[in-house]
Amino acid sequence: MISLNTPIEQLNAMNKNTLMDQLGIEYLEAKEGYVKAKMPVDSRTKQPFDILHGGASIALAETIASLGSALLVDMEKNDVRGAAVTANHIGAIARGYVYAEANLIHKGSITHVWDIEIKDQGGYRVSVCRITVIIIPKREIK
């Protein structure tokens, strides 16, 4: 199981053969109430008009919010799920990387709420997101 002490390399290794792997998402930092990651802006993450796809930004935001919540709960007893996502795409980027930073703004026993800013390499804001993660008792997925 993962915890706040899990090395970043191990957290990144968990993404093998997942959507995060397909999108090239790489965790850079994870600590209590904060996660930072990067994602390339390339053929995997662009829309047909040659800019970053908003859905890729949302996937990045939900990925780091969910990881942040997973690091805060007992994952042997609980699962975390994205429950609500809002996003405003306020800039465009055509190449390079985007960097996402998730900050926990509410830590309840059932929900966590995260604010996520996604910026380009120069610090220009591309998207702002809010993710609500729900903490549920572990059960078998059908």
C-alpha atoms as a PDB file:
ATOM      1  CA  MET A   1       0.000   0.000   0.000  1.00  0.00           C
ATOM      2  CA  ILE A   2       1.054   3.582  -0.539  1.00  0.00           C
ATOM      3  CA  SER A   3       1.593   6.251   2.088  1.00  0.00           C
ATOM      4  CA  LEU A   4       3.142   9.684   2.455  1.00  0.00           C
ATOM      5  CA  ASN A   5       6.493   7.896   2.811  1.00  0.00           C
ATOM      6  CA  THR A   6       6.230   6.119  -0.551  1.00  0.00           C
ATOM      7  CA  PRO A   7       9.106   7.203  -2.831  1.00  0.00           C
ATOM      8  CA  ILE A   8       8.048   9.207  -5.895  1.00  0.00           C
ATOM      9  CA  GLU A   9       9.627   6.545  -8.147  1.00  0.00           C
ATOM     10  CA  GLN A  10       7.302   3.930  -6.680  1.00  0.00           C
ATOM     11  CA  LEU A  11       4.274   6.186  -7.133  1.00  0.00           C
ATOM     12  CA  ASN A  12       5.225   6.680 -10.791  1.00  0.00           C
ATOM     13  CA  ALA A  13       5.754   2.929 -11.256  1.00  0.00           C
ATOM     14  CA  MET A  14       2.120   2.318 -10.231  1.00  0.00           C
ATOM     15  CA  ASN A  15       1.016   4.124 -13.400  1.00  0.00           C
ATOM     16  CA  LYS A  16       2.444   1.528 -15.775  1.00  0.00           C
ATOM     17  CA  ASN A  17      -0.210   0.310 -18.248  1.00  0.00           C
ATOM     18  CA  THR A  18      -2.810   2.867 -17.095  1.00  0.00           C
ATOM     19  CA  LEU A  19      -4.287   6.055 -18.544  1.00  0.00           C
ATOM     20  CA  MET A  20      -1.594   7.997 -16.703  1.00  0.00           C
ATOM     21  CA  ASP A  21       1.063   5.990 -18.539  1.00  0.00           C
ATOM     22  CA  GLN A  22      -0.688   6.585 -21.876  1.00  0.00           C
ATOM     23  CA  LEU A  23      -0.816  10.347 -21.256  1.00  0.00           C
ATOM     24  CA  GLY A  24       2.787  10.497 -20.006  1.00  0.00           C
ATOM     25  CA  ILE A  25       1.847  11.840 -16.559  1.00  0.00           C
ATOM     26  CA  GLU A  26       4.776  11.880 -14.127  1.00  0.00           C
ATOM     27  CA  TYR A  27       4.518  12.705 -10.427  1.00  0.00           C
ATOM     28  CA  LEU A  28       7.149  15.183  -9.294  1.00  0.00           C
ATOM     29  CA  GLU A  29       6.300  15.746  -5.632  1.00  0.00           C
ATOM     30  CA  ALA A  30       3.813  14.367  -3.127  1.00  0.00           C
ATOM     31  CA  LYS A  31       3.361  15.420   0.476  1.00  0.00           C
ATOM     32  CA  GLU A  32       0.446  15.841   2.843  1.00  0.00           C
ATOM     33  CA  GLY A  33      -2.167  17.981   1.122  1.00  0.00           C
ATOM     34  CA  TYR A  34      -0.070  18.652  -2.002  1.00  0.00           C
ATOM     35  CA  VAL A  35       0.794  16.819  -5.232  1.00  0.00           C
ATOM     36  CA  LYS A  36       2.693  18.103  -8.274  1.00  0.00           C
ATOM     37  CA  ALA A  37       2.972  16.360 -11.643  1.00  0.00           C
ATOM     38  CA  LYS A  38       3.806  17.090 -15.253  1.00  0.00           C
ATOM     39  CA  MET A  39       2.317  15.935 -18.548  1.00  0.00           C
ATOM     40  CA  PRO A  40       3.660  16.349 -22.075  1.00  0.00           C
ATOM     41  CA  VAL A  41       1.764  18.332 -24.668  1.00  0.00           C
ATOM     42  CA  ASP A  42       2.175  16.030 -27.644  1.00  0.00           C
ATOM     43  CA  SER A  43       0.176  13.753 -29.961  1.00  0.00           C
ATOM     44  CA  ARG A  44      -1.182  11.837 -26.956  1.00  0.00           C
ATOM     45  CA  THR A  45      -2.658  14.883 -25.245  1.00  0.00           C
ATOM     46  CA  LYS A  46      -3.556  17.315 -28.056  1.00  0.00           C
ATOM     47  CA  GLN A  47      -6.882  17.910 -29.748  1.00  0.00           C
ATOM     48  CA  PRO A  48      -7.234  18.180 -33.555  1.00  0.00           C
ATOM     49  CA  PHE A  49      -6.554  21.946 -33.482  1.00  0.00           C
ATOM     50  CA  ASP A  50      -2.990  21.262 -32.265  1.00  0.00           C
ATOM     51  CA  ILE A  51      -3.391  22.454 -28.662  1.00  0.00           C
ATOM     52  CA  LEU A  52      -3.701  20.638 -25.344  1.00  0.00           C
ATOM     53  CA  HIS A  53      -7.047  18.844 -25.051  1.00  0.00           C
ATOM     54  CA  GLY A  54      -9.169  19.989 -22.095  1.00  0.00           C
ATOM     55  CA  GLY A  55      -9.973  16.362 -21.298  1.00  0.00           C
ATOM     56  CA  ALA A  56      -6.274  15.624 -20.892  1.00  0.00           C
ATOM     57  CA  SER A  57      -6.027  18.518 -18.438  1.00  0.00           C
ATOM     58  CA  ILE A  58      -8.981  17.144 -16.478  1.00  0.00           C
ATOM     59  CA  ALA A  59      -7.426  13.666 -16.431  1.00  0.00           C
ATOM     60  CA  LEU A  60      -4.208  15.188 -15.071  1.00  0.00           C
ATOM     61  CA  ALA A  61      -6.105  17.136 -12.402  1.00  0.00           C
ATOM     62  CA  GLU A  62      -8.170  14.150 -11.255  1.00  0.00           C
ATOM     63  CA  THR A  63      -5.076  11.958 -11.232  1.00  0.00           C
ATOM     64  CA  ILE A  64      -3.159  14.118  -8.801  1.00  0.00           C
ATOM     65  CA  ALA A  65      -6.150  14.888  -6.584  1.00  0.00           C
ATOM     66  CA  SER A  66      -6.935  11.184  -6.306  1.00  0.00           C
ATOM     67  CA  LEU A  67      -3.323  10.353  -5.497  1.00  0.00           C
ATOM     68  CA  GLY A  68      -3.287  13.090  -2.875  1.00  0.00           C
ATOM     69  CA  SER A  69      -6.357  11.612  -1.206  1.00  0.00           C
ATOM     70  CA  ALA A  70      -4.999   8.064  -1.446  1.00  0.00           C
ATOM     71  CA  LEU A  71      -1.931   9.213   0.480  1.00  0.00           C
ATOM     72  CA  LEU A  72      -4.141  10.529   3.291  1.00  0.00           C
ATOM     73  CA  VAL A  73      -6.369   7.513   3.945  1.00  0.00           C
ATOM     74  CA  ASP A  74      -5.894   3.876   4.877  1.00  0.00           C
ATOM     75  CA  MET A  75      -6.040   2.280   1.426  1.00  0.00           C
ATOM     76  CA  GLU A  76      -6.309  -1.203   2.934  1.00  0.00           C
ATOM     77  CA  LYS A  77      -9.755  -0.233   4.219  1.00  0.00           C
ATOM     78  CA  ASN A  78     -10.825   2.479   1.760  1.00  0.00           C
ATOM     79  CA  ASP A  79     -10.936   3.414  -1.899  1.00  0.00           C
ATOM     80  CA  VAL A  80     -10.873   6.913  -3.340  1.00  0.00           C
ATOM     81  CA  ARG A  81     -12.985   7.999  -6.298  1.00  0.00           C
ATOM     82  CA  GLY A  82     -13.372  11.241  -8.158  1.00  0.00           C
ATOM     83  CA  ALA A  83     -16.915  12.415  -7.407  1.00  0.00           C
ATOM     84  CA  ALA A  84     -17.112  15.868  -8.994  1.00  0.00           C
ATOM     85  CA  VAL A  85     -14.929  17.828 -11.389  1.00  0.00           C
ATOM     86  CA  THR A  86     -15.125  21.428 -12.491  1.00  0.00           C
ATOM     87  CA  ALA A  87     -12.612  22.963 -14.845  1.00  0.00           C
ATOM     88  CA  ASN A  88     -12.014  26.259 -16.529  1.00  0.00           C
ATOM     89  CA  HIS A  89      -9.621  26.153 -19.457  1.00  0.00           C
ATOM     90  CA  ILE A  90      -8.253  29.666 -19.614  1.00  0.00           C
ATOM     91  CA  GLY A  91      -5.162  29.325 -21.773  1.00  0.00           C
ATOM     92  CA  ALA A  92      -3.778  27.262 -24.615  1.00  0.00           C
ATOM     93  CA  ILE A  93      -0.490  25.482 -25.096  1.00  0.00           C
ATOM     94  CA  ALA A  94       0.768  23.685 -28.208  1.00  0.00           C
ATOM     95  CA  ARG A  95       4.037  22.067 -27.098  1.00  0.00           C
ATOM     96  CA  GLY A  96       6.259  21.300 -24.144  1.00  0.00           C
ATOM     97  CA  TYR A  97       4.883  20.284 -20.770  1.00  0.00           C
ATOM     98  CA  VAL A  98       2.151  21.376 -18.414  1.00  0.00           C
ATOM     99  CA  TYR A  99       2.663  21.272 -14.666  1.00  0.00           C
ATOM    100  CA  ALA A 100      -0.213  20.644 -12.286  1.00  0.00           C
ATOM    101  CA  GLU A 101      -0.266  21.428  -8.585  1.00  0.00           C
ATOM    102  CA  ALA A 102      -3.048  20.126  -6.358  1.00  0.00           C
ATOM    103  CA  ASN A 103      -3.685  21.714  -2.970  1.00  0.00           C
ATOM    104  CA  LEU A 104      -6.102  20.203  -0.464  1.00  0.00           C
ATOM    105  CA  ILE A 105      -8.675  22.760   0.676  1.00  0.00           C
ATOM    106  CA  HIS A 106     -11.010  20.445   2.629  1.00  0.00           C
ATOM    107  CA  LYS A 107     -10.238  17.169   4.371  1.00  0.00           C
ATOM    108  CA  GLY A 108     -13.394  15.552   5.693  1.00  0.00           C
ATOM    109  CA  SER A 109     -13.948  11.954   6.717  1.00  0.00           C
ATOM    110  CA  ILE A 110     -15.962  11.255   3.545  1.00  0.00           C
ATOM    111  CA  THR A 111     -14.837  13.911   1.061  1.00  0.00           C
ATOM    112  CA  HIS A 112     -11.672  15.744   0.158  1.00  0.00           C
ATOM    113  CA  VAL A 113     -11.768  18.869  -2.007  1.00  0.00           C
ATOM    114  CA  TRP A 114      -8.747  19.860  -4.085  1.00  0.00           C
ATOM    115  CA  ASP A 115      -7.859  22.983  -6.058  1.00  0.00           C
ATOM    116  CA  ILE A 116      -5.618  22.285  -9.036  1.00  0.00           C
ATOM    117  CA  GLU A 117      -3.747  24.792 -11.177  1.00  0.00           C
ATOM    118  CA  ILE A 118      -2.260  23.679 -14.476  1.00  0.00           C
ATOM    119  CA  LYS A 119       0.422  25.924 -15.955  1.00  0.00           C
ATOM    120  CA  ASP A 120       2.830  25.812 -18.851  1.00  0.00           C
ATOM    121  CA  GLN A 121       6.607  25.788 -18.443  1.00  0.00           C
ATOM    122  CA  GLY A 122       6.675  29.584 -18.140  1.00  0.00           C
ATOM    123  CA  GLY A 123       4.066  29.685 -15.378  1.00  0.00           C
ATOM    124  CA  TYR A 124       1.197  30.800 -17.641  1.00  0.00           C
ATOM    125  CA  ARG A 125      -2.087  29.414 -16.302  1.00  0.00           C
ATOM    126  CA  VAL A 126      -3.754  26.934 -18.698  1.00  0.00           C
ATOM    127  CA  SER A 127      -6.546  25.461 -16.524  1.00  0.00           C
ATOM    128  CA  VAL A 128      -7.951  25.713 -13.040  1.00  0.00           C
ATOM    129  CA  CYS A 129      -9.875  22.787 -11.624  1.00  0.00           C
ATOM    130  CA  ARG A 130     -11.679  21.755  -8.479  1.00  0.00           C
ATOM    131  CA  ILE A 131     -11.996  18.062  -7.721  1.00  0.00           C
ATOM    132  CA  THR A 132     -14.063  16.434  -5.001  1.00  0.00           C
ATOM    133  CA  VAL A 133     -12.799  12.990  -4.033  1.00  0.00           C
ATOM    134  CA  ILE A 134     -15.060  10.646  -2.095  1.00  0.00           C
ATOM    135  CA  ILE A 135     -13.657   8.141   0.405  1.00  0.00           C
ATOM    136  CA  ILE A 136     -15.580   4.854   0.345  1.00  0.00           C
ATOM    137  CA  PRO A 137     -15.155   1.578   2.213  1.00  0.00           C
ATOM    138  CA  LYS A 138     -13.246  -0.957   0.142  1.00  0.00           C
ATOM    139  CA  ARG A 139     -15.425  -3.481  -1.639  1.00  0.00           C
ATOM    140  CA  GLU A 140     -15.164  -5.793  -4.599  1.00  0.00           C
ATOM    141  CA  ILE A 141     -15.624  -4.077  -7.965  1.00  0.00           C
ATOM    142  CA  LYS A 142     -17.948  -5.961 -10.297  1.00  0.00           C
END
